[in-house]
C-alpha atoms as a PDB file:
ATOM      1  CA  MET A   1       0.000   0.000   0.000  1.00  0.00           C
ATOM      2  CA  TYR A   2       1.375   3.398  -0.928  1.00  0.00           C
ATOM      3  CA  GLY A   3       0.526   6.756   0.560  1.00  0.00           C
ATOM      4  CA  ALA A   4      -1.111   9.381  -1.579  1.00  0.00           C
ATOM      5  CA  GLY A   5       1.823  11.683  -1.055  1.00  0.00           C
ATOM      6  CA  SER A   6       4.285   9.126  -2.469  1.00  0.00           C
ATOM      7  CA  MET A   7       2.780   9.282  -5.959  1.00  0.00           C
ATOM      8  CA  CYS A   8       4.250  11.603  -8.556  1.00  0.00           C
ATOM      9  CA  GLU A   9       2.021  14.618  -9.133  1.00  0.00           C
ATOM     10  CA  GLU A  10       1.580  13.849 -12.815  1.00  0.00           C
ATOM     11  CA  ASP A  11       0.491  10.280 -11.962  1.00  0.00           C
ATOM     12  CA  ARG A  12      -2.345  11.417  -9.680  1.00  0.00           C
ATOM     13  CA  LYS A  13      -5.577  10.910 -11.584  1.00  0.00           C
ATOM     14  CA  GLU A  14      -8.828  11.964  -9.969  1.00  0.00           C
ATOM     15  CA  LEU A  15     -11.230   9.039 -10.205  1.00  0.00           C
ATOM     16  CA  VAL A  16     -14.036  10.475  -8.044  1.00  0.00           C
ATOM     17  CA  VAL A  17     -14.747  14.192  -7.658  1.00  0.00           C
ATOM     18  CA  ILE A  18     -17.482  15.429  -5.296  1.00  0.00           C
ATOM     19  CA  GLN A  19     -18.384  19.129  -5.285  1.00  0.00           C
ATOM     20  CA  GLY A  20     -21.017  20.752  -3.067  1.00  0.00           C
ATOM     21  CA  LEU A  21     -23.016  17.561  -2.551  1.00  0.00           C
ATOM     22  CA  LYS A  22     -26.130  18.030  -0.383  1.00  0.00           C
ATOM     23  CA  LYS A  23     -28.865  15.675   0.731  1.00  0.00           C
ATOM     24  CA  SER A  24     -31.758  16.333   3.121  1.00  0.00           C
ATOM     25  CA  PHE A  25     -34.597  14.076   4.230  1.00  0.00           C
ATOM     26  CA  PRO A  26     -38.109  15.264   5.143  1.00  0.00           C
ATOM     27  CA  VAL A  27     -39.397  14.310   8.592  1.00  0.00           C
ATOM     28  CA  ARG A  28     -42.543  15.045  10.593  1.00  0.00           C
ATOM     29  CA  PHE A  29     -42.494  15.672  14.330  1.00  0.00           C
ATOM     30  CA  LYS A  30     -45.611  16.619  16.308  1.00  0.00           C
ATOM     31  CA  GLY A  31     -47.391  17.556  13.125  1.00  0.00           C
ATOM     32  CA  LYS A  32     -44.593  19.838  11.908  1.00  0.00           C
ATOM     33  CA  LYS A  33     -42.495  19.119   8.838  1.00  0.00           C
ATOM     34  CA  GLY A  34     -38.733  19.535   9.001  1.00  0.00           C
ATOM     35  CA  TRP A  35     -35.616  18.554   7.104  1.00  0.00           C
ATOM     36  CA  VAL A  36     -32.659  16.499   8.277  1.00  0.00           C
ATOM     37  CA  ARG A  37     -29.473  17.739   6.604  1.00  0.00           C
ATOM     38  CA  ALA A  38     -27.609  14.472   6.266  1.00  0.00           C
ATOM     39  CA  VAL A  39     -24.963  15.771   3.831  1.00  0.00           C
ATOM     40  CA  ASP A  40     -24.398  19.511   3.729  1.00  0.00           C
ATOM     41  CA  GLY A  41     -22.179  20.559   0.836  1.00  0.00           C
ATOM     42  CA  ILE A  42     -19.147  18.264   1.015  1.00  0.00           C
ATOM     43  CA  ARG A  43     -16.150  18.496  -1.324  1.00  0.00           C
ATOM     44  CA  LEU A  44     -13.833  15.535  -1.843  1.00  0.00           C
ATOM     45  CA  SER A  45     -11.570  14.117  -4.551  1.00  0.00           C
ATOM     46  CA  ILE A  46     -10.394  10.493  -4.550  1.00  0.00           C
ATOM     47  CA  PHE A  47      -7.388   9.558  -6.679  1.00  0.00           C
ATOM     48  CA  GLU A  48      -7.192   6.323  -8.603  1.00  0.00           C
ATOM     49  CA  GLY A  49      -5.501   3.553  -6.630  1.00  0.00           C
ATOM     50  CA  GLU A  50      -5.713   5.190  -3.200  1.00  0.00           C
ATOM     51  CA  THR A  51      -7.774   4.486  -0.089  1.00  0.00           C
ATOM     52  CA  VAL A  52      -9.587   7.394   1.529  1.00  0.00           C
ATOM     53  CA  GLY A  53     -10.921   6.868   5.037  1.00  0.00           C
ATOM     54  CA  LEU A  54     -14.102   8.701   6.039  1.00  0.00           C
ATOM     55  CA  VAL A  55     -14.564   8.972   9.814  1.00  0.00           C
ATOM     56  CA  GLY A  56     -16.951  10.663  12.199  1.00  0.00           C
ATOM     57  CA  GLU A  57     -19.559  10.030  14.864  1.00  0.00           C
ATOM     58  CA  SER A  58     -22.692   8.006  14.166  1.00  0.00           C
ATOM     59  CA  GLY A  59     -25.274  10.124  12.378  1.00  0.00           C
ATOM     60  CA  CYS A  60     -22.783  12.518  10.767  1.00  0.00           C
ATOM     61  CA  GLY A  61     -23.774  11.467   7.218  1.00  0.00           C
ATOM     62  CA  LYS A  62     -21.091   8.929   6.261  1.00  0.00           C
ATOM     63  CA  SER A  63     -23.478   6.242   5.018  1.00  0.00           C
ATOM     64  CA  THR A  64     -25.532   8.811   3.115  1.00  0.00           C
ATOM     65  CA  VAL A  65     -22.376   9.779   1.236  1.00  0.00           C
ATOM     66  CA  ALA A  66     -21.909   6.103   0.303  1.00  0.00           C
ATOM     67  CA  ARG A  67     -25.436   5.843  -1.061  1.00  0.00           C
ATOM     68  CA  LEU A  68     -25.089   9.066  -3.009  1.00  0.00           C
ATOM     69  CA  LEU A  69     -21.920   7.758  -4.645  1.00  0.00           C
ATOM     70  CA  LEU A  70     -23.741   4.650  -5.857  1.00  0.00           C
ATOM     71  CA  ARG A  71     -26.807   6.608  -7.003  1.00  0.00           C
ATOM     72  CA  LEU A  72     -28.940   4.692  -4.524  1.00  0.00           C
ATOM     73  CA  LEU A  73     -29.969   8.221  -3.526  1.00  0.00           C
ATOM     74  CA  ASP A  74     -30.002  11.330  -5.682  1.00  0.00           C
ATOM     75  CA  PRO A  75     -28.559  14.518  -4.156  1.00  0.00           C
ATOM     76  CA  ASP A  76     -30.487  17.771  -3.774  1.00  0.00           C
ATOM     77  CA  GLU A  77     -27.520  19.804  -5.016  1.00  0.00           C
ATOM     78  CA  GLY A  78     -23.946  19.390  -6.153  1.00  0.00           C
ATOM     79  CA  THR A  79     -21.937  17.490  -8.737  1.00  0.00           C
ATOM     80  CA  LEU A  80     -20.465  13.992  -8.781  1.00  0.00           C
ATOM     81  CA  LEU A  81     -17.891  12.988 -11.371  1.00  0.00           C
ATOM     82  CA  PHE A  82     -16.464   9.514 -11.965  1.00  0.00           C
ATOM     83  CA  ASP A  83     -13.549   9.281 -14.374  1.00  0.00           C
ATOM     84  CA  SER A  84     -14.518  12.786 -15.615  1.00  0.00           C
ATOM     85  CA  LYS A  85     -18.124  11.686 -16.375  1.00  0.00           C
ATOM     86  CA  ASP A  86     -21.142  13.381 -14.780  1.00  0.00           C
ATOM     87  CA  VAL A  87     -22.667  10.559 -12.728  1.00  0.00           C
ATOM     88  CA  LEU A  88     -25.871  12.469 -11.971  1.00  0.00           C
ATOM     89  CA  ALA A  89     -26.632  12.756 -15.688  1.00  0.00           C
ATOM     90  CA  LEU A  90     -26.296   9.030 -16.381  1.00  0.00           C
ATOM     91  CA  LYS A  91     -29.379   7.083 -17.412  1.00  0.00           C
ATOM     92  CA  GLY A  92     -30.275   3.635 -18.716  1.00  0.00           C
ATOM     93  CA  GLY A  93     -27.324   1.640 -20.009  1.00  0.00           C
ATOM     94  CA  ASP A  94     -24.785   4.306 -18.989  1.00  0.00           C
ATOM     95  CA  LEU A  95     -26.010   4.179 -15.384  1.00  0.00           C
ATOM     96  CA  SER A  96     -25.908   0.381 -15.458  1.00  0.00           C
ATOM     97  CA  ARG A  97     -22.284   0.457 -16.657  1.00  0.00           C
ATOM     98  CA  TYR A  98     -21.410   2.939 -13.887  1.00  0.00           C
ATOM     99  CA  ARG A  99     -22.891   0.613 -11.283  1.00  0.00           C
ATOM    100  CA  ARG A 100     -20.688  -2.200 -12.567  1.00  0.00           C
ATOM    101  CA  GLU A 101     -17.618  -0.069 -11.880  1.00  0.00           C
ATOM    102  CA  VAL A 102     -18.709   1.102  -8.419  1.00  0.00           C
ATOM    103  CA  GLN A 103     -19.681  -1.450  -5.776  1.00  0.00           C
ATOM    104  CA  LEU A 104     -20.704  -1.274  -2.117  1.00  0.00           C
ATOM    105  CA  VAL A 105     -19.830  -3.495   0.850  1.00  0.00           C
ATOM    106  CA  PHE A 106     -22.504  -3.023   3.508  1.00  0.00           C
ATOM    107  CA  GLN A 107     -22.015  -2.846   7.256  1.00  0.00           C
ATOM    108  CA  ASP A 108     -24.062  -5.929   8.163  1.00  0.00           C
ATOM    109  CA  PRO A 109     -23.215  -8.893   5.912  1.00  0.00           C
ATOM    110  CA  TYR A 110     -26.190 -10.955   7.088  1.00  0.00           C
ATOM    111  CA  SER A 111     -28.847  -8.362   6.211  1.00  0.00           C
ATOM    112  CA  SER A 112     -27.218  -7.646   2.834  1.00  0.00           C
ATOM    113  CA  LEU A 113     -27.488 -11.291   1.721  1.00  0.00           C
ATOM    114  CA  ASN A 114     -30.747 -12.932   0.660  1.00  0.00           C
ATOM    115  CA  PRO A 115     -31.347 -15.626   3.322  1.00  0.00           C
ATOM    116  CA  ARG A 116     -33.209 -17.769   0.764  1.00  0.00           C
ATOM    117  CA  MET A 117     -30.448 -17.672  -1.864  1.00  0.00           C
ATOM    118  CA  ALA A 118     -27.391 -19.934  -1.827  1.00  0.00           C
ATOM    119  CA  ILE A 119     -24.183 -17.931  -1.509  1.00  0.00           C
ATOM    120  CA  GLY A 120     -22.820 -19.096  -4.867  1.00  0.00           C
ATOM    121  CA  ARG A 121     -25.937 -17.911  -6.642  1.00  0.00           C
ATOM    122  CA  ALA A 122     -25.754 -14.590  -4.776  1.00  0.00           C
ATOM    123  CA  ILE A 123     -22.267 -14.050  -6.238  1.00  0.00           C
ATOM    124  CA  GLU A 124     -23.197 -15.074  -9.778  1.00  0.00           C
ATOM    125  CA  GLU A 125     -26.427 -13.049  -9.776  1.00  0.00           C
ATOM    126  CA  PRO A 126     -24.853  -9.681 -10.754  1.00  0.00           C
ATOM    127  CA  LEU A 127     -22.974 -11.381 -13.608  1.00  0.00           C
ATOM    128  CA  LEU A 128     -26.225 -12.778 -14.961  1.00  0.00           C
ATOM    129  CA  SER A 129     -28.209  -9.588 -14.329  1.00  0.00           C
ATOM    130  CA  HIS A 130     -25.699  -7.511 -16.316  1.00  0.00           C
ATOM    131  CA  ARG A 131     -25.469 -10.279 -18.951  1.00  0.00           C
ATOM    132  CA  LEU A 132     -21.697 -10.395 -18.746  1.00  0.00           C
ATOM    133  CA  LEU A 133     -21.383 -14.197 -18.650  1.00  0.00           C
ATOM    134  CA  GLY A 134     -23.456 -17.240 -19.385  1.00  0.00           C
ATOM    135  CA  LYS A 135     -24.736 -19.389 -16.545  1.00  0.00           C
ATOM    136  CA  LYS A 136     -21.894 -21.923 -16.709  1.00  0.00           C
ATOM    137  CA  GLU A 137     -19.181 -19.229 -16.867  1.00  0.00           C
ATOM    138  CA  ALA A 138     -20.845 -17.219 -14.069  1.00  0.00           C
ATOM    139  CA  ARG A 139     -20.847 -20.267 -11.812  1.00  0.00           C
ATOM    140  CA  GLN A 140     -17.168 -20.865 -12.493  1.00  0.00           C
ATOM    141  CA  ARG A 141     -16.407 -17.208 -11.755  1.00  0.00           C
ATOM    142  CA  ALA A 142     -18.353 -17.411  -8.477  1.00  0.00           C
ATOM    143  CA  LYS A 143     -16.405 -20.499  -7.402  1.00  0.00           C
ATOM    144  CA  GLU A 144     -13.102 -18.788  -8.229  1.00  0.00           C
ATOM    145  CA  LEU A 145     -14.085 -15.784  -6.103  1.00  0.00           C
ATOM    146  CA  LEU A 146     -15.118 -17.987  -3.187  1.00  0.00           C
ATOM    147  CA  ASP A 147     -11.772 -19.757  -3.368  1.00  0.00           C
ATOM    148  CA  PHE A 148      -9.915 -16.437  -3.526  1.00  0.00           C
ATOM    149  CA  MET A 149     -11.784 -15.247  -0.406  1.00  0.00           C
ATOM    150  CA  GLY A 150     -10.795 -18.386   1.507  1.00  0.00           C
ATOM    151  CA  ILE A 151     -14.161 -20.177   1.304  1.00  0.00           C
ATOM    152  CA  SER A 152     -14.340 -23.640  -0.201  1.00  0.00           C
ATOM    153  CA  PRO A 153     -16.174 -23.735  -3.567  1.00  0.00           C
ATOM    154  CA  THR A 154     -17.883 -26.899  -2.264  1.00  0.00           C
ATOM    155  CA  HIS A 155     -19.971 -24.546  -0.079  1.00  0.00           C
ATOM    156  CA  TYR A 156     -21.515 -23.017  -3.194  1.00  0.00           C
ATOM    157  CA  PHE A 157     -25.048 -24.211  -2.347  1.00  0.00           C
ATOM    158  CA  ARG A 158     -24.960 -23.342   1.345  1.00  0.00           C
ATOM    159  CA  TYR A 159     -27.061 -20.491   2.733  1.00  0.00           C
ATOM    160  CA  PRO A 160     -25.909 -17.353   4.633  1.00  0.00           C
ATOM    161  CA  HIS A 161     -27.044 -18.629   8.058  1.00  0.00           C
ATOM    162  CA  GLU A 162     -24.601 -21.544   7.744  1.00  0.00           C
ATOM    163  CA  PHE A 163     -21.577 -19.234   7.896  1.00  0.00           C
ATOM    164  CA  SER A 164     -19.943 -17.108  10.580  1.00  0.00           C
ATOM    165  CA  GLY A 165     -19.992 -13.319  10.482  1.00  0.00           C
ATOM    166  CA  GLY A 166     -16.475 -13.134   9.078  1.00  0.00           C
ATOM    167  CA  GLN A 167     -17.254 -15.685   6.378  1.00  0.00           C
ATOM    168  CA  ARG A 168     -20.424 -13.798   5.413  1.00  0.00           C
ATOM    169  CA  GLN A 169     -18.435 -10.593   5.034  1.00  0.00           C
ATOM    170  CA  ARG A 170     -15.991 -12.430   2.760  1.00  0.00           C
ATOM    171  CA  ILE A 171     -18.963 -13.604   0.686  1.00  0.00           C
ATOM    172  CA  VAL A 172     -20.271 -10.031   0.419  1.00  0.00           C
ATOM    173  CA  ILE A 173     -16.842  -8.818  -0.711  1.00  0.00           C
ATOM    174  CA  ALA A 174     -16.677 -11.646  -3.268  1.00  0.00           C
ATOM    175  CA  ARG A 175     -20.048 -10.547  -4.647  1.00  0.00           C
ATOM    176  CA  ALA A 176     -18.807  -6.958  -4.899  1.00  0.00           C
ATOM    177  CA  LEU A 177     -15.740  -8.148  -6.837  1.00  0.00           C
ATOM    178  CA  ALA A 178     -17.753 -10.223  -9.310  1.00  0.00           C
ATOM    179  CA  LEU A 179     -18.170  -7.324 -11.768  1.00  0.00           C
ATOM    180  CA  ASN A 180     -14.483  -6.269 -11.622  1.00  0.00           C
ATOM    181  CA  PRO A 181     -15.214  -2.813 -10.162  1.00  0.00           C
ATOM    182  CA  ARG A 182     -12.738   0.055 -10.199  1.00  0.00           C
ATOM    183  CA  PHE A 183     -14.101   1.722  -7.049  1.00  0.00           C
ATOM    184  CA  LEU A 184     -15.266  -0.006  -3.862  1.00  0.00           C
ATOM    185  CA  VAL A 185     -17.194   1.772  -1.113  1.00  0.00           C
ATOM    186  CA  ALA A 186     -16.828  -0.100   2.187  1.00  0.00           C
ATOM    187  CA  ASP A 187     -19.456   1.174   4.641  1.00  0.00           C
ATOM    188  CA  GLU A 188     -18.197   0.136   8.095  1.00  0.00           C
ATOM    189  CA  PRO A 189     -17.433  -3.417   6.896  1.00  0.00           C
ATOM    190  CA  LEU A 190     -15.749  -4.424  10.179  1.00  0.00           C
ATOM    191  CA  SER A 191     -18.061  -3.012  12.858  1.00  0.00           C
ATOM    192  CA  ALA A 192     -20.131  -6.219  13.248  1.00  0.00           C
ATOM    193  CA  LEU A 193     -17.069  -8.480  13.526  1.00  0.00           C
ATOM    194  CA  ASP A 194     -14.763  -9.640  16.344  1.00  0.00           C
ATOM    195  CA  VAL A 195     -11.339  -8.001  16.529  1.00  0.00           C
ATOM    196  CA  SER A 196      -9.495 -11.094  15.299  1.00  0.00           C
ATOM    197  CA  ILE A 197     -11.862 -11.394  12.327  1.00  0.00           C
ATOM    198  CA  GLN A 198     -11.453  -7.666  11.596  1.00  0.00           C
ATOM    199  CA  ALA A 199      -7.713  -8.207  11.106  1.00  0.00           C
ATOM    200  CA  GLN A 200      -8.404 -11.004   8.611  1.00  0.00           C
ATOM    201  CA  ILE A 201     -10.862  -8.900   6.591  1.00  0.00           C
ATOM    202  CA  LEU A 202      -8.428  -5.969   6.583  1.00  0.00           C
ATOM    203  CA  HIS A 203      -5.747  -8.260   5.173  1.00  0.00           C
ATOM    204  CA  VAL A 204      -8.188  -9.423   2.491  1.00  0.00           C
ATOM    205  CA  LEU A 205      -9.037  -5.827   1.522  1.00  0.00           C
ATOM    206  CA  GLU A 206      -5.362  -4.919   1.240  1.00  0.00           C
ATOM    207  CA  GLU A 207      -4.670  -8.006  -0.881  1.00  0.00           C
ATOM    208  CA  ILE A 208      -7.586  -7.097  -3.161  1.00  0.00           C
ATOM    209  CA  LYS A 209      -6.274  -3.561  -3.575  1.00  0.00           C
ATOM    210  CA  GLU A 210      -2.807  -4.797  -4.499  1.00  0.00           C
ATOM    211  CA  ARG A 211      -4.048  -7.478  -6.889  1.00  0.00           C
ATOM    212  CA  PHE A 212      -6.925  -5.675  -8.603  1.00  0.00           C
ATOM    213  CA  ARG A 213      -5.791  -2.027  -8.223  1.00  0.00           C
ATOM    214  CA  ILE A 214      -9.136  -1.044  -6.730  1.00  0.00           C
ATOM    215  CA  THR A 215      -9.768   2.409  -5.266  1.00  0.00           C
ATOM    216  CA  TYR A 216     -11.471   2.472  -1.852  1.00  0.00           C
ATOM    217  CA  LEU A 217     -13.653   4.796   0.147  1.00  0.00           C
ATOM    218  CA  PHE A 218     -13.403   3.179   3.587  1.00  0.00           C
ATOM    219  CA  ILE A 219     -16.086   4.421   5.993  1.00  0.00           C
ATOM    220  CA  SER A 220     -15.585   3.703   9.678  1.00  0.00           C
ATOM    221  CA  HIS A 221     -15.696   5.124  13.182  1.00  0.00           C
ATOM    222  CA  ASP A 222     -12.703   3.000  14.242  1.00  0.00           C
ATOM    223  CA  LEU A 223      -9.754   5.386  13.990  1.00  0.00           C
ATOM    224  CA  ALA A 224      -7.131   2.662  14.498  1.00  0.00           C
ATOM    225  CA  VAL A 225      -8.471   0.652  11.560  1.00  0.00           C
ATOM    226  CA  VAL A 226      -8.689   3.749   9.368  1.00  0.00           C
ATOM    227  CA  ARG A 227      -5.080   4.656  10.128  1.00  0.00           C
ATOM    228  CA  HIS A 228      -3.936   1.171   9.137  1.00  0.00           C
ATOM    229  CA  ILE A 229      -5.649   1.005   5.755  1.00  0.00           C
ATOM    230  CA  SER A 230      -5.988   4.601   4.498  1.00  0.00           C
ATOM    231  CA  ASP A 231      -3.735   6.827   2.403  1.00  0.00           C
ATOM    232  CA  ARG A 232      -5.770   9.919   3.265  1.00  0.00           C
ATOM    233  CA  VAL A 233      -8.443  10.565   5.899  1.00  0.00           C
ATOM    234  CA  ALA A 234     -11.486  12.865   5.796  1.00  0.00           C
ATOM    235  CA  VAL A 235     -13.160  13.780   9.097  1.00  0.00           C
ATOM    236  CA  MET A 236     -16.903  14.440   8.927  1.00  0.00           C
ATOM    237  CA  TYR A 237     -19.061  16.321  11.423  1.00  0.00           C
ATOM    238  CA  LEU A 238     -22.784  17.017  11.072  1.00  0.00           C
ATOM    239  CA  GLY A 239     -22.852  16.518   7.314  1.00  0.00           C
ATOM    240  CA  ARG A 240     -19.634  18.409   6.501  1.00  0.00           C
ATOM    241  CA  ILE A 241     -15.987  17.500   6.064  1.00  0.00           C
ATOM    242  CA  VAL A 242     -14.016  19.484   8.647  1.00  0.00           C
ATOM    243  CA  GLU A 243     -10.508  18.109   7.979  1.00  0.00           C
ATOM    244  CA  LEU A 244      -8.773  16.234   5.172  1.00  0.00           C
ATOM    245  CA  ALA A 245      -5.127  15.154   5.087  1.00  0.00           C
ATOM    246  CA  GLU A 246      -2.724  12.319   4.424  1.00  0.00           C
ATOM    247  CA  THR A 247      -3.070   9.740   7.154  1.00  0.00           C
ATOM    248  CA  GLU A 248       0.147  10.288   9.120  1.00  0.00           C
ATOM    249  CA  SER A 249      -0.163  14.067   8.844  1.00  0.00           C
ATOM    250  CA  LEU A 250      -3.648  13.976  10.326  1.00  0.00           C
ATOM    251  CA  TYR A 251      -2.833  11.512  13.114  1.00  0.00           C
ATOM    252  CA  GLN A 252       0.420  13.208  14.131  1.00  0.00           C
ATOM    253  CA  ASP A 253      -0.734  16.815  13.773  1.00  0.00           C
ATOM    254  CA  PRO A 254      -4.553  17.132  13.798  1.00  0.00           C
ATOM    255  CA  LEU A 255      -5.662  20.726  13.226  1.00  0.00           C
ATOM    256  CA  HIS A 256      -9.402  20.806  13.835  1.00  0.00           C
ATOM    257  CA  PRO A 257     -10.456  20.691  17.522  1.00  0.00           C
ATOM    258  CA  TYR A 258     -13.020  17.989  16.711  1.00  0.00           C
ATOM    259  CA  THR A 259     -10.348  15.787  15.093  1.00  0.00           C
ATOM    260  CA  ARG A 260      -8.077  16.218  18.117  1.00  0.00           C
ATOM    261  CA  ALA A 261     -10.899  15.200  20.440  1.00  0.00           C
ATOM    262  CA  LEU A 262     -11.627  12.112  18.351  1.00  0.00           C
ATOM    263  CA  LEU A 263      -7.981  11.032  18.397  1.00  0.00           C
ATOM    264  CA  ASP A 264      -7.649  11.704  22.123  1.00  0.00           C
ATOM    265  CA  ALA A 265     -10.576   9.334  22.735  1.00  0.00           C
ATOM    266  CA  VAL A 266      -8.730   6.372  21.175  1.00  0.00           C
ATOM    267  CA  PRO A 267      -7.621   4.006  23.999  1.00  0.00           C
ATOM    268  CA  VAL A 268      -3.869   3.646  24.500  1.00  0.00           C
ATOM    269  CA  SER A 269      -2.353   0.169  24.257  1.00  0.00           C
ATOM    270  CA  HIS A 270      -0.619   0.061  27.658  1.00  0.00           C
ATOM    271  CA  PRO A 271      -2.302   0.522  31.082  1.00  0.00           C
ATOM    272  CA  ALA A 272       0.667   2.503  32.422  1.00  0.00           C
ATOM    273  CA  LEU A 273       0.429   5.132  29.705  1.00  0.00           C
ATOM    274  CA  ARG A 274      -1.653   8.244  30.261  1.00  0.00           C
ATOM    275  CA  ARG A 275      -2.969  10.806  27.807  1.00  0.00           C
ATOM    276  CA  LYS A 276      -4.377  14.273  28.338  1.00  0.00           C
ATOM    277  CA  ARG A 277      -7.840  14.062  26.835  1.00  0.00           C
ATOM    278  CA  THR A 278      -9.645  16.824  24.988  1.00  0.00           C
ATOM    279  CA  LEU A 279     -13.235  16.682  26.193  1.00  0.00           C
ATOM    280  CA  ILE A 280     -15.995  18.029  23.952  1.00  0.00           C
ATOM    281  CA  PRO A 281     -18.717  19.746  26.003  1.00  0.00           C
ATOM    282  CA  GLY A 282     -22.391  19.393  25.187  1.00  0.00           C
ATOM    283  CA  GLU A 283     -24.196  17.078  22.806  1.00  0.00           C
ATOM    284  CA  VAL A 284     -24.088  16.698  19.036  1.00  0.00           C
ATOM    285  CA  PRO A 285     -26.608  19.225  17.645  1.00  0.00           C
ATOM    286  CA  SER A 286     -29.697  17.856  15.961  1.00  0.00           C
ATOM    287  CA  PRO A 287     -29.452  17.738  12.150  1.00  0.00           C
ATOM    288  CA  LEU A 288     -33.094  18.895  12.221  1.00  0.00           C
ATOM    289  CA  ASN A 289     -31.936  22.208  13.650  1.00  0.00           C
ATOM    290  CA  PRO A 290     -28.187  22.572  13.008  1.00  0.00           C
ATOM    291  CA  PRO A 291     -26.378  25.597  14.416  1.00  0.00           C
ATOM    292  CA  THR A 292     -25.727  28.585  12.194  1.00  0.00           C
ATOM    293  CA  GLY A 293     -22.188  29.220  11.004  1.00  0.00           C
ATOM    294  CA  CYS A 294     -19.636  26.567  11.873  1.00  0.00           C
ATOM    295  CA  PRO A 295     -21.501  23.383  12.879  1.00  0.00           C
ATOM    296  CA  PHE A 296     -18.972  22.689  15.652  1.00  0.00           C
ATOM    297  CA  HIS A 297     -18.892  26.162  17.242  1.00  0.00           C
ATOM    298  CA  PRO A 298     -21.356  25.476  20.143  1.00  0.00           C
ATOM    299  CA  ARG A 299     -18.940  22.810  21.459  1.00  0.00           C
ATOM    300  CA  CYS A 300     -15.619  24.422  20.496  1.00  0.00           C
ATOM    301  CA  GLY A 301     -13.237  25.987  22.999  1.00  0.00           C
ATOM    302  CA  LEU A 302     -11.569  28.039  20.225  1.00  0.00           C
ATOM    303  CA  ARG A 303     -14.731  29.691  18.869  1.00  0.00           C
ATOM    304  CA  MET A 304     -14.711  33.313  17.839  1.00  0.00           C
ATOM    305  CA  ALA A 305     -17.545  35.743  17.170  1.00  0.00           C
ATOM    306  CA  ARG A 306     -17.689  34.993  13.454  1.00  0.00           C
ATOM    307  CA  CYS A 307     -17.970  31.221  14.052  1.00  0.00           C
ATOM    308  CA  SER A 308     -21.655  31.585  14.919  1.00  0.00           C
ATOM    309  CA  ARG A 309     -22.333  33.610  11.752  1.00  0.00           C
ATOM    310  CA  ASP A 310     -20.239  32.103   8.958  1.00  0.00           C
ATOM    311  CA  ALA A 311     -19.507  28.531   7.909  1.00  0.00           C
ATOM    312  CA  PRO A 312     -15.767  28.052   7.236  1.00  0.00           C
ATOM    313  CA  ALA A 313     -14.743  26.439   3.961  1.00  0.00           C
ATOM    314  CA  LEU A 314     -11.859  23.991   3.752  1.00  0.00           C
ATOM    315  CA  MET A 315      -8.567  25.897   3.664  1.00  0.00           C
ATOM    316  CA  GLU A 316      -5.011  24.598   3.348  1.00  0.00           C
ATOM    317  CA  PRO A 317      -2.689  25.839   6.117  1.00  0.00           C
ATOM    318  CA  HIS A 318      -0.147  23.144   5.158  1.00  0.00           C
ATOM    319  CA  PRO A 319       0.359  21.567   1.717  1.00  0.00           C
ATOM    320  CA  GLY A 320      -2.096  18.695   1.368  1.00  0.00           C
ATOM    321  CA  HIS A 321      -3.661  19.311   4.795  1.00  0.00           C
ATOM    322  CA  GLU A 322      -7.080  20.984   4.651  1.00  0.00           C
ATOM    323  CA  VAL A 323      -9.194  22.137   7.588  1.00  0.00           C
ATOM    324  CA  ALA A 324     -12.476  24.049   7.959  1.00  0.00           C
ATOM    325  CA  CYS A 325     -11.664  26.365  10.877  1.00  0.00           C
ATOM    326  CA  PHE A 326     -11.402  30.158  11.099  1.00  0.00           C
ATOM    327  CA  VAL A 327      -8.432  29.832  13.486  1.00  0.00           C
ATOM    328  CA  TYR A 328      -6.341  29.188  10.366  1.00  0.00           C
ATOM    329  CA  GLY A 329      -7.953  31.952   8.341  1.00  0.00           C
ATOM    330  CA  ASP A 330      -5.222  34.594   8.639  1.00  0.00           C
ATOM    331  CA  LEU A 331      -2.014  32.606   8.335  1.00  0.00           C
ATOM    332  CA  SER A 332       0.139  35.694   7.858  1.00  0.00           C
ATOM    333  CA  ILE A 333      -0.034  36.622  11.547  1.00  0.00           C
ATOM    334  CA  GLN A 334       0.589  33.125  12.926  1.00  0.00           C
ATOM    335  CA  THR A 335       3.880  31.419  13.595  1.00  0.00           C
ATOM    336  CA  PRO A 336       4.342  27.827  12.313  1.00  0.00           C
ATOM    337  CA  MET A 337       3.822  26.508  15.835  1.00  0.00           C
ATOM    338  CA  GLU A 338       0.628  28.536  16.217  1.00  0.00           C
ATOM    339  CA  ARG A 339      -0.615  27.158  12.935  1.00  0.00           C
ATOM    340  CA  ARG A 340      -0.063  23.627  14.162  1.00  0.00           C
ATOM    341  CA  ARG A 341      -1.451  24.031  17.656  1.00  0.00           C
ATOM    342  CA  PRO A 342      -3.713  27.045  18.182  1.00  0.00           C
END
């Protein structure tokens, strides 16, 4: 696995480009209609061959981003490009071809498999639906994928309930690989698994990336896992990306106060070690009634007067390290140390 920063600039090809993507859902509460802002104008580019981790608290909009990328949901605003093509304008056969190139691994492998369909048939189904192979060839392809994922092809006619959670997740990944996708969205694929099984699935994902040159968007709330697998990491809060950087840059020198609090909450590996924790006061605001200005300002110890009025855009205080925070707005009057740790 290579870091995004290790690639030559001319070799960096943008595979996925998201600009100003927004998605809200209507809700009714006590007879009143409101809107939940699940995704509120995010901007993100993903380069071919890299893994971007997307982290944040539950309810911040990570899974909605995944569904928007696959056109399972249509956005209210914004643009989405894949290999320089406008995804939101695709229809019919063009949309079908896009969905062959972009696949999703769901969080819960059991609920994403048909309990009444044998696992081999579940893997061959997309090949038959897209009419890429005949029935005999599709079955052979499904058996090859099962073998590659460490599951005996003799289990072809077994059903999902006959497998463990880790085996089911391998089956789901095999199904996602059946169409030879270029881009794989993994929506918290490890959260329902034991720690030892998580390590095995991570190894499988890394082997797939190396062998098939697949680009990943890896969605998770487990910061240790994200650090292990990602080239770059985007931190999401209340529907917006508040920080984006190469993995080691973000973990060693987090800029946004929310990112620092997230990293400080990660348990240390030795009982004798101690860490000064950054505590976030208050509760996560309701997406039904988000705060004006910066979404994090009611809980931020660095807030200024303008934070309650204006929403900061992503700015780049260091090359390749973007953050949405007004503390970094006037870099000319800050020393390098002040820019790193306000």
